[in-house]
Protein backbone atom coordinates (compact mmCIF):
# COMPACT_ATOMS: atom_id res chain seq x y z
CA MET A 1 115.35 131.87 131.24
CA ILE A 2 115.01 128.47 134.06
CA SER A 3 118.23 128.70 136.05
CA SER A 4 120.58 125.72 136.53
CA GLU A 5 119.85 125.67 140.25
CA ARG A 6 116.72 125.23 139.58
CA GLN A 7 117.43 123.16 136.57
CA GLU A 8 118.79 120.88 138.94
CA HIS A 9 116.10 120.81 141.38
CA ALA A 10 113.73 119.84 138.53
CA ILE A 11 111.85 116.76 138.67
CA SER A 12 111.86 115.17 135.14
CA THR A 13 108.86 111.79 135.03
CA ARG A 14 108.30 109.20 133.15
CA LEU A 15 105.17 107.42 132.16
CA VAL A 16 105.94 103.30 133.62
CA SER A 17 103.97 100.03 133.13
CA PRO A 18 101.70 99.08 136.15
CA SER A 19 103.67 96.14 135.60
CA ALA A 20 106.75 97.77 137.60
CA VAL A 21 105.10 97.15 140.70
CA SER A 22 103.01 94.70 140.98
CA VAL A 23 105.57 92.00 141.85
CA ASP A 24 106.79 94.22 144.79
CA PRO A 25 104.49 97.15 145.74
CA SER A 26 107.68 98.18 148.16
CA LYS A 27 109.35 99.66 145.05
CA ALA A 28 107.84 102.56 144.67
CA ASN A 29 106.70 105.62 147.09
CA ASP A 30 109.78 105.03 149.16
CA TYR A 31 109.80 108.81 149.19
CA ASN A 32 112.99 108.00 152.66
CA SER A 33 114.75 106.74 149.92
CA PHE A 34 114.81 110.61 147.91
CA ALA A 35 113.48 112.75 150.64
CA GLU A 36 116.23 115.06 150.45
CA ALA A 37 116.19 115.22 146.97
CA TYR A 38 112.34 115.93 146.89
CA THR A 39 111.86 118.43 148.93
CA ALA A 40 114.70 120.63 147.51
CA ALA A 41 112.79 120.06 144.25
CA ASN A 42 109.72 120.73 146.07
CA GLU A 43 111.38 124.40 148.00
CA THR A 44 111.53 125.96 143.88
CA ASN A 45 110.00 123.65 141.18
CA LEU A 46 106.82 125.61 139.41
CA VAL A 47 104.33 122.99 140.07
CA ASN A 48 104.75 122.79 143.87
CA ALA A 49 106.10 125.84 144.77
CA TYR A 50 104.65 128.68 142.21
CA TYR A 51 100.97 126.37 141.81
CA GLU A 52 100.03 123.68 144.56
CA ARG A 53 101.01 125.80 147.35
CA PRO A 54 100.47 128.76 146.34
CA ALA A 55 96.80 127.64 145.75
CA MET A 56 96.10 125.32 148.69
CA LEU A 57 96.70 128.46 151.11
CA ALA A 58 95.12 130.93 149.01
CA LEU A 59 91.44 128.60 149.43
CA ALA A 60 92.13 128.37 153.43
CA GLY A 61 92.62 131.71 153.51
CA ASP A 62 92.90 133.87 157.13
CA VAL A 63 94.47 131.18 158.99
CA ALA A 64 95.01 133.43 162.36
CA GLU A 65 94.40 131.20 165.66
CA ARG A 66 92.82 127.90 163.28
CA ARG A 67 93.29 124.11 164.85
CA ILE A 68 94.93 122.57 161.51
CA LEU A 69 96.05 119.12 160.59
CA ASP A 70 98.48 119.04 157.88
CA ALA A 71 97.72 115.21 156.72
CA GLY A 72 100.71 114.13 154.81
CA CYS A 73 102.82 116.84 155.59
CA GLY A 74 106.03 115.52 154.19
CA SER A 75 108.06 117.98 154.94
CA GLY A 76 106.60 121.03 156.36
CA ALA A 77 106.39 123.79 153.21
CA LEU A 78 103.04 124.22 153.52
CA PHE A 79 102.65 123.30 157.40
CA ALA A 80 105.12 126.34 158.36
CA ALA A 81 104.27 128.71 155.49
CA LEU A 82 100.23 127.96 157.39
CA ARG A 83 102.19 128.03 160.99
CA ASP A 84 103.90 131.83 159.04
CA ARG A 85 100.32 133.04 159.33
CA GLY A 86 98.64 132.41 163.07
CA ALA A 87 98.33 129.09 162.55
CA ILE A 88 98.36 126.10 165.43
CA VAL A 89 99.48 123.46 162.94
CA SER A 90 99.52 119.41 163.46
CA GLY A 91 101.39 117.44 161.09
CA PHE A 92 101.62 113.82 160.03
CA ASP A 93 103.42 111.54 157.42
CA ALA A 94 104.29 108.01 156.97
CA SER A 95 107.95 109.10 155.76
CA ALA A 96 109.65 109.84 159.40
CA VAL A 97 112.89 110.34 157.08
CA MET A 98 110.78 113.18 155.52
CA LEU A 99 109.57 113.99 158.69
CA GLU A 100 112.97 114.63 160.31
CA LEU A 101 113.49 117.15 157.29
CA ALA A 102 110.56 117.89 159.04
CA ARG A 103 111.55 118.71 162.31
CA GLN A 104 114.68 120.45 160.75
CA ARG A 105 112.75 123.47 159.21
CA LEU A 106 109.86 123.76 162.13
CA GLY A 107 111.94 122.97 165.21
CA ASP A 108 111.88 120.70 167.49
CA GLY A 109 107.89 122.19 169.44
CA ALA A 110 106.41 121.27 166.54
CA ASP A 111 103.57 118.55 166.78
CA LEU A 112 103.81 115.90 164.08
CA GLN A 113 103.74 112.76 164.57
CA VAL A 114 105.39 109.52 161.70
CA ALA A 115 101.03 107.61 160.57
CA GLY A 116 99.71 106.68 157.43
CA LEU A 117 96.18 108.28 156.24
CA GLY A 118 93.65 105.33 156.15
CA SER A 119 95.29 104.78 159.55
CA PRO A 120 93.23 105.22 162.10
CA LEU A 121 94.92 108.48 163.83
CA PRO A 122 96.77 109.67 166.86
CA TYR A 123 94.48 112.86 167.33
CA PRO A 124 90.98 113.25 169.28
CA ASP A 125 87.90 114.02 167.68
CA GLY A 126 86.96 117.11 166.63
CA THR A 127 90.75 118.49 167.05
CA PHE A 128 90.55 120.89 164.33
CA ASP A 129 89.05 123.63 162.57
CA ASP A 130 90.54 122.87 158.83
CA VAL A 131 92.55 119.96 157.25
CA VAL A 132 94.76 120.28 155.06
CA ALA A 133 95.12 117.14 152.10
CA SER A 134 97.95 118.28 149.18
CA LEU A 135 98.82 115.68 147.12
CA VAL A 136 98.38 112.61 149.46
CA LEU A 137 94.59 111.44 148.69
CA HIS A 138 95.56 109.89 145.32
CA TYR A 139 98.25 107.47 146.91
CA LEU A 140 95.58 105.90 147.87
CA GLU A 141 92.47 103.15 145.91
CA ASP A 142 90.13 103.51 148.92
CA TRP A 143 89.52 106.86 149.57
CA GLY A 144 86.42 105.94 152.12
CA PRO A 145 88.71 105.14 155.84
CA ALA A 146 90.78 108.45 155.05
CA LEU A 147 87.79 110.78 154.76
CA ALA A 148 86.10 108.84 157.44
CA GLU A 149 89.02 109.82 159.64
CA LEU A 150 89.95 112.72 159.17
CA ARG A 151 86.07 113.80 159.41
CA ARG A 152 86.76 112.14 162.93
CA LEU A 153 88.96 114.57 163.41
CA LEU A 154 87.13 117.91 163.14
CA LYS A 155 84.59 120.80 164.14
CA PRO A 156 81.58 120.59 162.83
CA GLY A 157 81.67 122.35 160.37
CA GLY A 158 85.72 122.31 159.83
CA ARG A 159 86.66 122.34 156.45
CA LEU A 160 88.80 119.96 154.42
CA ILE A 161 91.49 121.67 151.46
CA ALA A 162 92.67 118.90 149.21
CA SER A 163 94.32 119.05 146.12
CA VAL A 164 94.62 116.04 144.37
CA ASP A 165 96.10 114.99 140.58
CA HIS A 166 93.51 116.46 137.83
CA PRO A 167 92.12 113.56 136.57
CA PHE A 168 91.65 114.99 133.01
CA ALA A 169 95.56 115.21 132.90
CA VAL A 170 96.78 112.17 134.02
CA ASN A 171 93.95 110.87 130.89
CA LEU A 172 95.38 113.03 128.55
CA ILE A 173 98.76 111.98 130.14
CA HIS A 174 97.95 108.96 129.02
CA ARG A 175 96.67 109.70 125.93
CA GLU A 176 99.98 111.67 124.64
CA ALA A 177 101.53 108.77 125.50
CA GLY A 178 99.65 106.28 122.96
CA ARG A 179 98.71 104.38 126.58
CA GLU A 180 95.46 105.10 126.36
CA ALA A 181 93.74 102.02 126.74
CA GLU A 182 95.86 101.31 130.25
CA CYS A 183 93.59 105.02 132.27
CA ASN A 184 90.12 104.73 130.75
CA TYR A 185 88.57 108.19 132.80
CA PHE A 186 86.00 106.67 134.39
CA ASP A 187 87.74 103.49 136.19
CA THR A 188 89.38 103.97 139.06
CA THR A 189 93.23 103.75 137.30
CA ASN A 190 96.50 102.57 139.52
CA TRP A 191 99.34 104.37 137.43
CA THR A 192 103.28 104.67 138.05
CA VAL A 193 105.80 107.02 137.04
CA GLU A 194 109.64 106.92 137.46
CA TRP A 195 110.55 110.59 139.09
CA THR A 196 114.40 111.56 138.72
CA VAL A 197 115.54 114.22 140.62
CA GLY A 198 118.69 115.63 142.40
CA GLY A 199 120.63 112.25 140.07
CA HIS A 200 117.77 109.79 142.43
CA THR A 201 115.49 108.00 140.70
CA ALA A 202 112.33 106.77 141.92
CA LEU A 203 109.14 104.65 141.56
CA VAL A 204 105.67 107.06 142.10
CA SER A 205 102.81 104.59 142.15
CA ARG A 206 99.15 106.96 142.59
CA TRP A 207 95.72 106.42 141.58
CA ASN A 208 93.41 108.35 138.67
CA ARG A 209 89.66 108.55 139.54
CA PRO A 210 86.89 110.35 137.54
CA LEU A 211 85.40 114.03 139.22
CA HIS A 212 82.41 111.75 140.35
CA ALA A 213 83.92 109.50 142.61
CA MET A 214 85.64 111.80 143.84
CA VAL A 215 82.71 113.85 144.81
CA GLU A 216 80.61 110.42 145.82
CA ALA A 217 83.30 109.82 147.54
CA PHE A 218 83.26 113.77 149.49
CA THR A 219 80.11 113.23 149.95
CA GLY A 220 79.75 109.88 151.50
CA ALA A 221 82.34 110.89 154.10
CA GLY A 222 79.78 113.85 154.70
CA PHE A 223 81.17 116.73 153.41
CA ARG A 224 79.78 119.31 151.99
CA ILE A 225 81.61 120.68 148.74
CA THR A 226 81.90 124.30 149.41
CA ALA A 227 84.39 125.19 146.44
CA ILE A 228 86.90 123.21 143.18
CA SER A 229 89.01 124.63 141.74
CA GLU A 230 91.71 124.84 139.27
CA PRO A 231 93.20 127.64 140.14
CA GLU A 232 96.33 129.68 137.63
CA PRO A 233 99.78 128.99 138.78
CA ASP A 234 101.44 132.28 140.84
CA PRO A 235 101.56 135.56 138.78
CA ALA A 236 105.66 135.26 139.62
CA ALA A 237 105.43 131.43 137.41
CA ARG A 238 105.58 133.70 134.14
CA GLU A 239 108.58 135.30 135.03
CA MET A 240 110.71 132.27 136.30
CA PHE A 241 109.20 129.51 134.34
CA PRO A 242 108.53 131.74 131.03
CA GLU A 243 108.91 128.34 128.69
CA ALA A 244 107.12 126.29 130.83
CA ILE A 245 103.83 128.75 131.29
CA ALA A 246 104.40 129.45 127.33
CA ALA A 247 103.80 125.82 126.06
CA GLU A 248 101.08 125.41 129.35
CA PRO A 249 99.14 128.64 129.29
CA ARG A 250 96.19 126.62 130.86
CA PHE A 251 97.35 124.71 134.33
CA LEU A 252 94.80 121.66 134.97
CA CYS A 253 98.40 119.67 136.91
CA PHE A 254 95.88 119.21 140.00
CA LEU A 255 92.48 119.80 141.01
CA PHE A 256 91.35 121.45 144.59
CA PHE A 257 88.46 121.06 146.67
CA VAL A 258 87.36 122.93 149.33
CA LEU A 259 84.41 121.09 151.85
CA GLN A 260 83.15 121.09 154.78
CA ALA A 261 81.89 118.71 157.18
CA GLU A 262 78.47 118.36 157.72
């Protein structure tokens, strides 16, 4: 049974037409407008708190004393978990409001910068042992500039640990809605959902691409793939969200990569 508190913090989604944002792209991905509501949901919901974040931490492994960049750190949940495990963490995000929430969580001494993935980043070459990119690459149509910049920031042999929307899942969402013509699996396709969370409604627009295009982008930027993961949710999720787990016994929401800078 899902508690009333978890229901309040759940994110409901509705697939909408790409034309909803084609005229005014600023309507989409405005995390400043719903930062607090999204942060509350991210803390406790199934897909973030009991699926994506535990999977990222498991892939990162022992991070004690490693210098890690949290790319698109949001309000700092993954940053905090890595720091608690002994990592030396820096983070950036395009949303100033999300970063303010991160600073409230992490303290004034946290190394946080306002910056956008895909733009030049304010760190010297070879600064980090690892970069974590949690559910952020899929906001970009072209991964090339972002991956090249992240590669620049990594030490030789450093790791990029990334999670993105699973392309099969996105294709299935469109097929189940009878809109498969809008999302050919083999194309790089923009798709938009309407999120409702904590009384706030927002448009979230992302780019879906097939697995082979992801692989080509990673290897073209100088990374070697060491792991591709399609994990189960955290075991605690079966008790916390029994109905959701029963409905989706095998989660394929996101796809996870561990890559090594060559």
